[in-house]
Amino acid sequence: MKTEDAIPSLEPIPAEHTTLPEKPGALRGEVWLTLQTIHAQRLFHGRVATTNKPSIVGLVGFADRLRVIWQGARGDDPYADWWLIKVHAAIEVAGDSICSSQVDLEKLLEQMDAMEVGVAASQRPYRIPLKFANPYAYRGAKLLAEFDRLVCMALTARHIGLMGGQASEDILKACARKVRGIFMIPQSYRLLKINREQVRKAMGRSHEACQLMGEVPGDVLSGECQAPLVPRKVSFPSGFSGNVQLRPGASVSDTNSSIDKNDDG
């Protein structure tokens, strides 16, 4: 690399020049999710229960419930840490499965020697901003985007006769089932305002937590095993957590990371 002027040496800065200017403001950014298929759009929103059909938890409900778990983990609740481990592991397994199916479909589409096949895309894709409160909600969005691409590939292969209708349907149903299963995981967590010390000494509501969620594994309780993405632990003053609430209703743009008072038991 050449420059017109010599690069100055890193000499000590005089004391009179060490005063820093005004600090930069808070960082802000935008994240958008673009979906090509109605299959993925349905998994984004989920479905409200009716007399004939049960509810389906979508990405919105998944992200909303993860806020409660994230807040529990911030307060050193070992059950919240355990649930983050479950979410992480399930996303990894489902992601590998979807990726494997994508590879199989790519090889299938490449068999058309005399034809160049472009994967189908929507002329009017569904695009929505994401403002989640924790990284695992974004991991869920990434997984949904991968599923969306898989749907496009499977429908393309079916359209040009490389795959039968039932075969493509089986692939999509199997992968959609995995995604729905992940979105259901946070629903079984209950925020009982307990921490590791209380669980170790069987104090507070630790017995109730064990009845509702099972016995937390020893390596999770000790802190030896944890998810790769966890919040910084915060010790709240006594009585503080009881005054923190989540806003009612699930919203994709809700970044509030407080606690849902309906989880008080």
Protein backbone atom coordinates (compact mmCIF):
# COMPACT_ATOMS: atom_id res chain seq x y z
CA MET A 1 0.00 0.00 0.00
CA LYS A 2 1.32 3.47 -0.90
CA THR A 3 0.16 6.79 0.43
CA GLU A 4 1.01 10.34 -0.55
CA ASP A 5 1.95 11.25 3.00
CA ALA A 6 3.95 9.14 5.40
CA ILE A 7 1.98 7.39 8.11
CA PRO A 8 2.70 9.19 11.39
CA SER A 9 4.38 7.21 14.15
CA LEU A 10 2.39 6.32 17.24
CA GLU A 11 4.00 8.79 19.63
CA PRO A 12 2.57 9.48 23.10
CA ILE A 13 -0.19 12.07 23.03
CA PRO A 14 0.51 15.11 25.21
CA ALA A 15 -1.58 15.28 28.37
CA GLU A 16 -3.34 18.45 27.22
CA HIS A 17 -4.79 16.52 24.23
CA THR A 18 -6.11 13.46 26.10
CA THR A 19 -9.56 14.90 26.82
CA LEU A 20 -12.05 12.98 24.71
CA PRO A 21 -14.75 14.76 22.73
CA GLU A 22 -18.44 14.19 23.36
CA LYS A 23 -19.31 10.47 23.20
CA PRO A 24 -21.22 9.05 20.22
CA GLY A 25 -24.93 8.49 20.70
CA ALA A 26 -26.60 5.10 21.21
CA LEU A 27 -26.36 2.65 18.31
CA ARG A 28 -29.49 2.02 16.30
CA GLY A 29 -30.07 -0.27 13.36
CA GLU A 30 -32.75 -1.97 11.30
CA VAL A 31 -33.41 -5.65 10.65
CA TRP A 32 -35.95 -6.74 8.05
CA LEU A 33 -37.26 -10.22 7.31
CA THR A 34 -38.35 -10.94 3.74
CA LEU A 35 -40.47 -14.01 3.08
CA GLN A 36 -41.39 -15.37 -0.34
CA THR A 37 -44.05 -17.95 0.56
CA ILE A 38 -47.32 -18.14 2.41
CA HIS A 39 -46.00 -21.27 4.15
CA ALA A 40 -43.38 -19.18 5.94
CA GLN A 41 -45.75 -16.25 6.49
CA ARG A 42 -48.13 -18.54 8.38
CA LEU A 43 -45.29 -19.70 10.61
CA PHE A 44 -44.37 -16.09 11.24
CA HIS A 45 -47.76 -15.12 12.67
CA GLY A 46 -49.00 -18.46 13.97
CA ARG A 47 -52.68 -19.21 14.38
CA VAL A 48 -55.27 -18.33 17.00
CA ALA A 49 -57.16 -21.29 18.40
CA THR A 50 -60.72 -21.91 17.16
CA THR A 51 -63.39 -24.43 18.05
CA ASN A 52 -62.12 -26.70 15.29
CA LYS A 53 -58.37 -26.06 15.30
CA PRO A 54 -55.77 -25.64 18.05
CA SER A 55 -53.54 -22.60 18.20
CA ILE A 56 -50.16 -22.56 16.48
CA VAL A 57 -47.34 -20.52 18.00
CA GLY A 58 -45.53 -18.51 15.34
CA LEU A 59 -42.30 -16.53 15.39
CA VAL A 60 -44.12 -13.58 17.01
CA GLY A 61 -45.30 -15.70 19.94
CA PHE A 62 -41.90 -17.39 20.17
CA ALA A 63 -40.11 -14.05 20.44
CA ASP A 64 -42.62 -12.66 22.91
CA ARG A 65 -42.26 -15.60 25.27
CA LEU A 66 -38.48 -15.61 24.93
CA ARG A 67 -38.46 -12.15 26.51
CA VAL A 68 -39.71 -13.71 29.73
CA ILE A 69 -37.04 -16.42 29.63
CA TRP A 70 -34.32 -13.88 28.85
CA GLN A 71 -35.39 -11.79 31.83
CA GLY A 72 -35.41 -14.89 34.04
CA ALA A 73 -31.87 -15.77 32.92
CA ARG A 74 -30.81 -12.20 33.65
CA GLY A 75 -32.01 -12.74 37.22
CA ASP A 76 -29.95 -15.98 37.54
CA ASP A 77 -32.91 -18.35 37.22
CA PRO A 78 -31.36 -21.75 36.35
CA TYR A 79 -34.60 -22.87 34.71
CA ALA A 80 -34.39 -19.95 32.30
CA ASP A 81 -30.81 -20.96 31.47
CA TRP A 82 -32.03 -24.51 30.92
CA TRP A 83 -34.72 -23.34 28.51
CA LEU A 84 -32.21 -21.26 26.55
CA ILE A 85 -30.10 -24.40 26.18
CA LYS A 86 -33.17 -26.26 24.87
CA VAL A 87 -33.97 -23.49 22.39
CA HIS A 88 -30.39 -23.31 21.15
CA ALA A 89 -30.09 -27.09 20.69
CA ALA A 90 -33.44 -27.34 18.88
CA ILE A 91 -32.55 -24.50 16.49
CA GLU A 92 -29.22 -26.18 15.70
CA VAL A 93 -30.87 -29.54 14.94
CA ALA A 94 -33.67 -28.05 12.84
CA GLY A 95 -31.23 -25.80 10.99
CA ASP A 96 -29.05 -28.78 10.06
CA SER A 97 -32.10 -30.70 8.86
CA ILE A 98 -33.36 -27.84 6.68
CA CYS A 99 -29.85 -27.26 5.31
CA SER A 100 -29.56 -30.96 4.42
CA SER A 101 -32.88 -30.82 2.57
CA GLN A 102 -31.72 -27.69 0.71
CA VAL A 103 -28.55 -29.46 -0.42
CA ASP A 104 -30.59 -32.41 -1.72
CA LEU A 105 -32.88 -30.10 -3.68
CA GLU A 106 -29.94 -28.13 -5.08
CA LYS A 107 -28.43 -31.35 -6.44
CA LEU A 108 -31.81 -32.25 -7.92
CA LEU A 109 -32.14 -28.89 -9.67
CA GLU A 110 -28.59 -29.14 -11.02
CA GLN A 111 -29.49 -32.32 -12.90
CA MET A 112 -31.10 -30.26 -15.67
CA ASP A 113 -28.06 -30.17 -17.96
CA ALA A 114 -29.72 -28.41 -20.87
CA MET A 115 -31.77 -26.03 -18.73
CA GLU A 116 -30.79 -23.30 -16.33
CA VAL A 117 -33.27 -23.35 -13.47
CA GLY A 118 -33.78 -20.33 -11.26
CA VAL A 119 -35.45 -20.88 -7.90
CA ALA A 120 -38.90 -19.33 -7.85
CA ALA A 121 -39.41 -16.08 -5.95
CA SER A 122 -42.45 -13.99 -5.14
CA GLN A 123 -43.26 -10.94 -7.24
CA ARG A 124 -44.53 -9.31 -4.06
CA PRO A 125 -42.61 -10.74 -1.07
CA TYR A 126 -43.74 -10.22 2.50
CA ARG A 127 -41.33 -7.84 4.22
CA ILE A 128 -41.51 -6.87 7.87
CA PRO A 129 -39.15 -5.12 10.34
CA LEU A 130 -37.89 -7.09 13.33
CA LYS A 131 -37.27 -5.47 16.71
CA PHE A 132 -36.72 -8.33 19.09
CA ALA A 133 -35.38 -8.16 22.64
CA ASN A 134 -32.91 -11.06 22.50
CA PRO A 135 -30.67 -12.87 20.00
CA TYR A 136 -32.54 -16.19 20.00
CA ALA A 137 -35.61 -14.50 18.56
CA TYR A 138 -33.43 -13.42 15.63
CA ARG A 139 -32.06 -16.96 15.39
CA GLY A 140 -35.67 -18.12 15.06
CA ALA A 141 -36.21 -15.56 12.28
CA LYS A 142 -33.12 -16.82 10.46
CA LEU A 143 -34.41 -20.38 10.70
CA LEU A 144 -37.76 -19.28 9.29
CA ALA A 145 -35.95 -17.59 6.39
CA GLU A 146 -34.12 -20.86 5.66
CA PHE A 147 -37.41 -22.73 5.70
CA ASP A 148 -38.85 -20.14 3.31
CA ARG A 149 -36.01 -20.78 0.85
CA LEU A 150 -36.57 -24.52 1.15
CA VAL A 151 -40.22 -24.04 0.23
CA CYS A 152 -39.22 -22.06 -2.88
CA MET A 153 -36.81 -24.79 -3.93
CA ALA A 154 -39.29 -27.63 -3.36
CA LEU A 155 -42.07 -25.86 -5.26
CA THR A 156 -39.66 -25.11 -8.12
CA ALA A 157 -38.61 -28.76 -8.32
CA ARG A 158 -42.25 -29.83 -8.33
CA HIS A 159 -43.21 -27.28 -10.97
CA ILE A 160 -40.63 -28.51 -13.48
CA GLY A 161 -41.37 -32.17 -12.83
CA LEU A 162 -38.27 -33.15 -10.85
CA MET A 163 -40.31 -34.03 -7.80
CA GLY A 164 -43.80 -35.36 -7.25
CA GLY A 165 -46.40 -33.38 -5.35
CA GLN A 166 -46.51 -35.79 -2.42
CA ALA A 167 -42.72 -35.89 -2.09
CA SER A 168 -42.44 -32.11 -1.93
CA GLU A 169 -45.35 -31.94 0.51
CA ASP A 170 -43.68 -34.47 2.80
CA ILE A 171 -40.45 -32.46 2.92
CA LEU A 172 -42.25 -29.21 3.69
CA LYS A 173 -44.50 -30.74 6.34
CA ALA A 174 -41.56 -32.39 8.11
CA CYS A 175 -39.53 -29.17 8.21
CA ALA A 176 -42.51 -27.01 9.19
CA ARG A 177 -43.17 -29.41 12.07
CA LYS A 178 -39.61 -28.89 13.33
CA VAL A 179 -39.96 -25.11 13.19
CA ARG A 180 -43.30 -25.19 15.02
CA GLY A 181 -41.77 -27.46 17.65
CA ILE A 182 -39.05 -24.91 18.34
CA PHE A 183 -41.55 -22.08 18.62
CA MET A 184 -43.42 -24.12 21.24
CA ILE A 185 -40.44 -24.66 23.56
CA PRO A 186 -40.61 -21.33 25.45
CA GLN A 187 -44.32 -21.80 26.18
CA SER A 188 -43.61 -24.39 28.90
CA TYR A 189 -41.35 -22.10 30.92
CA ARG A 190 -42.75 -20.46 34.05
CA LEU A 191 -41.19 -17.38 35.61
CA LEU A 192 -41.30 -17.91 39.39
CA LYS A 193 -38.71 -15.33 40.44
CA ILE A 194 -36.20 -17.80 41.79
CA ASN A 195 -32.43 -17.96 41.49
CA ARG A 196 -29.72 -20.58 41.71
CA GLU A 197 -29.15 -20.14 45.42
CA GLN A 198 -32.82 -20.72 46.18
CA VAL A 199 -32.91 -23.84 44.01
CA ARG A 200 -29.76 -25.23 45.66
CA LYS A 201 -31.22 -24.70 49.13
CA ALA A 202 -34.79 -25.67 48.15
CA MET A 203 -36.05 -22.26 49.20
CA GLY A 204 -38.76 -19.93 47.89
CA ARG A 205 -40.73 -21.38 45.01
CA SER A 206 -38.08 -23.89 43.96
CA HIS A 207 -40.34 -26.84 44.85
CA GLU A 208 -43.13 -25.40 42.69
CA ALA A 209 -40.65 -24.89 39.86
CA CYS A 210 -39.57 -28.53 40.08
CA GLN A 211 -43.20 -29.68 39.94
CA LEU A 212 -43.97 -27.49 36.91
CA MET A 213 -40.76 -27.81 34.92
CA GLY A 214 -38.91 -30.82 36.29
CA GLU A 215 -35.59 -31.05 38.12
CA VAL A 216 -32.98 -28.77 36.61
CA PRO A 217 -29.86 -30.75 35.52
CA GLY A 218 -26.90 -30.48 37.86
CA ASP A 219 -24.49 -29.03 35.28
CA VAL A 220 -27.03 -26.34 34.43
CA LEU A 221 -27.61 -25.53 38.10
CA SER A 222 -23.86 -25.23 38.70
CA GLY A 223 -23.49 -22.94 35.66
CA GLU A 224 -21.09 -25.35 33.98
CA CYS A 225 -23.49 -25.86 31.07
CA GLN A 226 -25.12 -22.86 29.43
CA ALA A 227 -26.29 -21.68 26.02
CA PRO A 228 -23.75 -19.79 23.87
CA LEU A 229 -25.94 -16.68 24.01
CA VAL A 230 -26.97 -15.59 27.50
CA PRO A 231 -27.76 -12.23 29.10
CA ARG A 232 -25.56 -10.58 31.68
CA LYS A 233 -26.69 -11.52 35.17
CA VAL A 234 -28.32 -8.72 37.15
CA SER A 235 -29.07 -8.80 40.87
CA PHE A 236 -32.31 -6.93 41.50
CA PRO A 237 -33.09 -5.37 44.88
CA SER A 238 -35.61 -7.25 47.00
CA GLY A 239 -39.17 -6.68 45.77
CA PHE A 240 -38.04 -5.02 42.56
CA SER A 241 -39.02 -7.82 40.16
CA GLY A 242 -42.60 -7.81 41.38
CA ASN A 243 -43.05 -4.31 39.98
CA VAL A 244 -41.82 -5.15 36.49
CA GLN A 245 -44.36 -6.17 33.88
CA LEU A 246 -44.62 -7.00 30.21
CA ARG A 247 -46.99 -5.07 28.05
CA PRO A 248 -49.99 -7.26 27.15
CA GLY A 249 -50.14 -8.91 23.74
CA ALA A 250 -47.48 -10.35 21.46
CA SER A 251 -45.87 -7.89 19.09
CA VAL A 252 -43.03 -8.37 16.68
CA SER A 253 -41.84 -4.83 17.34
CA ASP A 254 -41.98 -5.04 21.15
CA THR A 255 -38.49 -4.65 22.57
CA ASN A 256 -39.53 -4.41 26.21
CA SER A 257 -37.56 -6.97 28.20
CA SER A 258 -39.49 -6.78 31.47
CA ILE A 259 -41.36 -9.55 33.25
CA ASP A 260 -44.91 -10.76 32.62
CA LYS A 261 -46.83 -10.46 35.85
CA ASN A 262 -49.11 -13.29 34.71
CA ASP A 263 -46.16 -15.62 35.40
CA ASP A 264 -46.24 -14.89 39.09
CA GLY A 265 -48.04 -18.22 39.56
